[in-house]
Amino acid sequence: MFNVLKDETLFLAIEVGLWLISLIVSFFVLYPVKYMFNTNSVETIIEMQEKIIRYKRFLLTLSIILYLASLIVLSVFLIKRL
């Protein structure tokens, strides 16, 4: 009985933890960051834009992976309860 309760608590804690981390990571995609570049140089503006795109793409990918992992853990938890 107690092992089942510990397993359920563990599964739910992992699922909620992954979901919250996913939410925080996705927040950083929208959170404005001060970017430094030379406004007189087109090359630095283009380089900074590419850097921003790579950074946001990485964060979105990480957020999606964490969210899917939390859904998988939740699915395993629900299937295990049946």
N, C-alpha and C. Protein backbone atom coordinates (compact mmCIF):
# COMPACT_ATOMS: atom_id res chain seq x y z
N MET A 1 0.83 -1.20 0.00
CA MET A 1 0.00 0.00 0.00
C MET A 1 0.86 1.26 0.00
N PHE A 2 1.86 1.31 0.88
CA PHE A 2 2.68 2.52 0.98
C PHE A 2 3.58 2.69 -0.24
N ASN A 3 4.03 1.57 -0.85
CA ASN A 3 4.84 1.68 -2.05
C ASN A 3 4.04 2.28 -3.20
N VAL A 4 2.76 1.90 -3.29
CA VAL A 4 1.91 2.45 -4.34
C VAL A 4 1.72 3.94 -4.13
N LEU A 5 1.52 4.36 -2.90
CA LEU A 5 1.33 5.77 -2.61
C LEU A 5 2.60 6.56 -2.92
N LYS A 6 3.76 6.02 -2.58
CA LYS A 6 5.02 6.69 -2.88
C LYS A 6 5.23 6.79 -4.38
N ASP A 7 4.90 5.73 -5.11
CA ASP A 7 5.04 5.75 -6.56
C ASP A 7 4.13 6.81 -7.19
N GLU A 8 2.89 6.87 -6.71
CA GLU A 8 1.96 7.85 -7.25
C GLU A 8 2.45 9.27 -6.97
N THR A 9 2.92 9.51 -5.77
CA THR A 9 3.42 10.83 -5.41
C THR A 9 4.65 11.17 -6.25
N LEU A 10 5.52 10.20 -6.43
CA LEU A 10 6.72 10.42 -7.23
C LEU A 10 6.38 10.73 -8.68
N PHE A 11 5.47 9.94 -9.26
CA PHE A 11 5.06 10.19 -10.65
C PHE A 11 4.44 11.57 -10.81
N LEU A 12 3.57 11.94 -9.89
CA LEU A 12 2.93 13.25 -9.99
C LEU A 12 3.93 14.38 -9.76
N ALA A 13 4.86 14.19 -8.84
CA ALA A 13 5.88 15.22 -8.59
C ALA A 13 6.77 15.40 -9.82
N ILE A 14 7.16 14.31 -10.45
CA ILE A 14 7.98 14.40 -11.66
C ILE A 14 7.20 15.08 -12.77
N GLU A 15 5.95 14.70 -12.93
CA GLU A 15 5.12 15.27 -14.00
C GLU A 15 4.93 16.77 -13.79
N VAL A 16 4.58 17.17 -12.60
CA VAL A 16 4.38 18.60 -12.32
C VAL A 16 5.70 19.36 -12.43
N GLY A 17 6.78 18.76 -11.96
CA GLY A 17 8.09 19.40 -12.05
C GLY A 17 8.51 19.63 -13.50
N LEU A 18 8.34 18.61 -14.34
CA LEU A 18 8.68 18.77 -15.77
C LEU A 18 7.81 19.83 -16.43
N TRP A 19 6.54 19.84 -16.07
CA TRP A 19 5.62 20.81 -16.66
C TRP A 19 6.00 22.23 -16.24
N LEU A 20 6.33 22.42 -14.96
CA LEU A 20 6.72 23.75 -14.49
C LEU A 20 8.02 24.22 -15.13
N ILE A 21 8.99 23.33 -15.26
CA ILE A 21 10.25 23.70 -15.91
C ILE A 21 9.99 24.07 -17.37
N SER A 22 9.11 23.33 -18.02
CA SER A 22 8.73 23.64 -19.40
C SER A 22 8.09 25.02 -19.49
N LEU A 23 7.24 25.33 -18.54
CA LEU A 23 6.58 26.63 -18.51
C LEU A 23 7.58 27.76 -18.30
N ILE A 24 8.53 27.56 -17.40
CA ILE A 24 9.55 28.58 -17.13
C ILE A 24 10.44 28.79 -18.35
N VAL A 25 10.85 27.70 -18.98
CA VAL A 25 11.72 27.81 -20.16
C VAL A 25 10.97 28.54 -21.29
N SER A 26 9.71 28.21 -21.48
CA SER A 26 8.95 28.89 -22.54
C SER A 26 8.73 30.37 -22.22
N PHE A 27 8.69 30.72 -20.94
CA PHE A 27 8.56 32.12 -20.55
C PHE A 27 9.79 32.91 -21.01
N PHE A 28 10.97 32.30 -20.93
CA PHE A 28 12.19 33.00 -21.32
C PHE A 28 12.25 33.28 -22.82
N VAL A 29 11.44 32.60 -23.60
CA VAL A 29 11.37 32.92 -25.03
C VAL A 29 10.73 34.29 -25.21
N LEU A 30 9.74 34.61 -24.41
CA LEU A 30 9.03 35.88 -24.53
C LEU A 30 9.65 37.00 -23.71
N TYR A 31 10.42 36.63 -22.69
CA TYR A 31 11.02 37.63 -21.80
C TYR A 31 12.07 38.43 -22.56
N PRO A 32 11.94 39.76 -22.55
CA PRO A 32 12.90 40.57 -23.30
C PRO A 32 14.28 40.59 -22.63
N VAL A 33 15.29 40.46 -23.44
CA VAL A 33 16.67 40.51 -22.97
C VAL A 33 17.35 41.67 -23.69
N LYS A 34 18.20 42.37 -22.99
CA LYS A 34 18.90 43.48 -23.63
C LYS A 34 20.02 42.92 -24.52
N TYR A 35 19.89 43.18 -25.80
CA TYR A 35 20.88 42.71 -26.76
C TYR A 35 21.80 43.87 -27.13
N MET A 36 23.08 43.58 -27.21
CA MET A 36 24.05 44.62 -27.53
C MET A 36 24.51 44.45 -28.98
N PHE A 37 24.39 45.51 -29.73
CA PHE A 37 24.87 45.50 -31.11
C PHE A 37 25.12 46.94 -31.54
N ASN A 38 25.89 47.08 -32.58
CA ASN A 38 26.21 48.39 -33.13
C ASN A 38 25.13 48.76 -34.14
N THR A 39 24.42 49.82 -33.86
CA THR A 39 23.32 50.21 -34.75
C THR A 39 23.79 50.73 -36.10
N ASN A 40 25.07 51.07 -36.19
CA ASN A 40 25.60 51.59 -37.46
C ASN A 40 26.11 50.48 -38.38
N SER A 41 26.16 49.26 -37.87
CA SER A 41 26.70 48.16 -38.66
C SER A 41 25.61 47.15 -38.97
N VAL A 42 25.36 46.96 -40.24
CA VAL A 42 24.33 46.02 -40.67
C VAL A 42 24.75 44.58 -40.32
N GLU A 43 26.03 44.28 -40.41
CA GLU A 43 26.51 42.93 -40.14
C GLU A 43 26.25 42.52 -38.68
N THR A 44 26.49 43.46 -37.75
CA THR A 44 26.26 43.11 -36.34
C THR A 44 24.78 42.94 -36.04
N ILE A 45 23.94 43.72 -36.71
CA ILE A 45 22.49 43.57 -36.52
C ILE A 45 22.03 42.21 -37.03
N ILE A 46 22.49 41.82 -38.20
CA ILE A 46 22.12 40.52 -38.77
C ILE A 46 22.67 39.39 -37.89
N GLU A 47 23.90 39.54 -37.43
CA GLU A 47 24.50 38.53 -36.56
C GLU A 47 23.73 38.39 -35.26
N MET A 48 23.31 39.51 -34.67
CA MET A 48 22.55 39.46 -33.42
C MET A 48 21.17 38.84 -33.66
N GLN A 49 20.56 39.15 -34.79
CA GLN A 49 19.26 38.56 -35.10
C GLN A 49 19.37 37.04 -35.22
N GLU A 50 20.40 36.56 -35.88
CA GLU A 50 20.61 35.11 -36.01
C GLU A 50 20.87 34.47 -34.65
N LYS A 51 21.61 35.18 -33.80
CA LYS A 51 21.88 34.68 -32.45
C LYS A 51 20.58 34.56 -31.64
N ILE A 52 19.73 35.57 -31.75
CA ILE A 52 18.45 35.57 -31.04
C ILE A 52 17.56 34.43 -31.54
N ILE A 53 17.53 34.22 -32.84
CA ILE A 53 16.71 33.15 -33.42
C ILE A 53 17.20 31.79 -32.93
N ARG A 54 18.52 31.57 -32.92
CA ARG A 54 19.06 30.29 -32.43
C ARG A 54 18.72 30.09 -30.96
N TYR A 55 18.85 31.13 -30.15
CA TYR A 55 18.57 31.07 -28.71
C TYR A 55 17.10 30.74 -28.46
N LYS A 56 16.21 31.43 -29.14
CA LYS A 56 14.77 31.19 -28.94
C LYS A 56 14.34 29.83 -29.48
N ARG A 57 14.93 29.40 -30.59
CA ARG A 57 14.61 28.08 -31.12
C ARG A 57 15.03 26.99 -30.15
N PHE A 58 16.22 27.15 -29.55
CA PHE A 58 16.70 26.19 -28.56
C PHE A 58 15.76 26.14 -27.36
N LEU A 59 15.36 27.31 -26.85
CA LEU A 59 14.47 27.33 -25.69
C LEU A 59 13.10 26.72 -26.01
N LEU A 60 12.56 27.02 -27.19
CA LEU A 60 11.27 26.43 -27.57
C LEU A 60 11.36 24.92 -27.72
N THR A 61 12.45 24.45 -28.32
CA THR A 61 12.64 23.00 -28.47
C THR A 61 12.76 22.33 -27.12
N LEU A 62 13.53 22.93 -26.22
CA LEU A 62 13.67 22.39 -24.87
C LEU A 62 12.34 22.36 -24.14
N SER A 63 11.58 23.44 -24.29
CA SER A 63 10.27 23.51 -23.65
C SER A 63 9.32 22.44 -24.18
N ILE A 64 9.33 22.21 -25.47
CA ILE A 64 8.48 21.18 -26.07
C ILE A 64 8.89 19.79 -25.59
N ILE A 65 10.18 19.53 -25.53
CA ILE A 65 10.67 18.23 -25.07
C ILE A 65 10.26 17.99 -23.61
N LEU A 66 10.42 19.01 -22.76
CA LEU A 66 10.04 18.86 -21.35
C LEU A 66 8.53 18.66 -21.21
N TYR A 67 7.75 19.39 -22.00
CA TYR A 67 6.30 19.24 -21.93
C TYR A 67 5.87 17.84 -22.38
N LEU A 68 6.45 17.36 -23.46
CA LEU A 68 6.12 16.01 -23.92
C LEU A 68 6.56 14.96 -22.91
N ALA A 69 7.71 15.17 -22.27
CA ALA A 69 8.16 14.24 -21.23
C ALA A 69 7.17 14.22 -20.07
N SER A 70 6.65 15.40 -19.70
CA SER A 70 5.67 15.42 -18.61
C SER A 70 4.38 14.71 -19.01
N LEU A 71 3.98 14.83 -20.28
CA LEU A 71 2.79 14.10 -20.74
C LEU A 71 3.01 12.59 -20.74
N ILE A 72 4.22 12.18 -21.11
CA ILE A 72 4.55 10.75 -21.09
C ILE A 72 4.51 10.21 -19.67
N VAL A 73 5.10 10.96 -18.73
CA VAL A 73 5.08 10.52 -17.33
C VAL A 73 3.64 10.46 -16.82
N LEU A 74 2.83 11.44 -17.18
CA LEU A 74 1.42 11.42 -16.76
C LEU A 74 0.69 10.23 -17.37
N SER A 75 0.95 9.93 -18.63
CA SER A 75 0.33 8.79 -19.29
C SER A 75 0.72 7.48 -18.61
N VAL A 76 2.00 7.34 -18.32
CA VAL A 76 2.47 6.13 -17.62
C VAL A 76 1.80 6.03 -16.26
N PHE A 77 1.69 7.14 -15.56
CA PHE A 77 1.02 7.16 -14.26
C PHE A 77 -0.43 6.71 -14.37
N LEU A 78 -1.14 7.24 -15.36
CA LEU A 78 -2.56 6.90 -15.50
C LEU A 78 -2.73 5.45 -15.93
N ILE A 79 -1.86 4.96 -16.82
CA ILE A 79 -1.95 3.57 -17.25
C ILE A 79 -1.62 2.63 -16.10
N LYS A 80 -0.65 3.02 -15.29
CA LYS A 80 -0.24 2.19 -14.16
C LYS A 80 -1.35 2.08 -13.12
N ARG A 81 -2.17 3.10 -13.00
CA ARG A 81 -3.27 3.09 -12.02
C ARG A 81 -4.40 2.16 -12.43
N LEU A 82 -4.51 1.88 -13.73
CA LEU A 82 -5.61 1.00 -14.19
C LEU A 82 -5.46 -0.41 -13.76
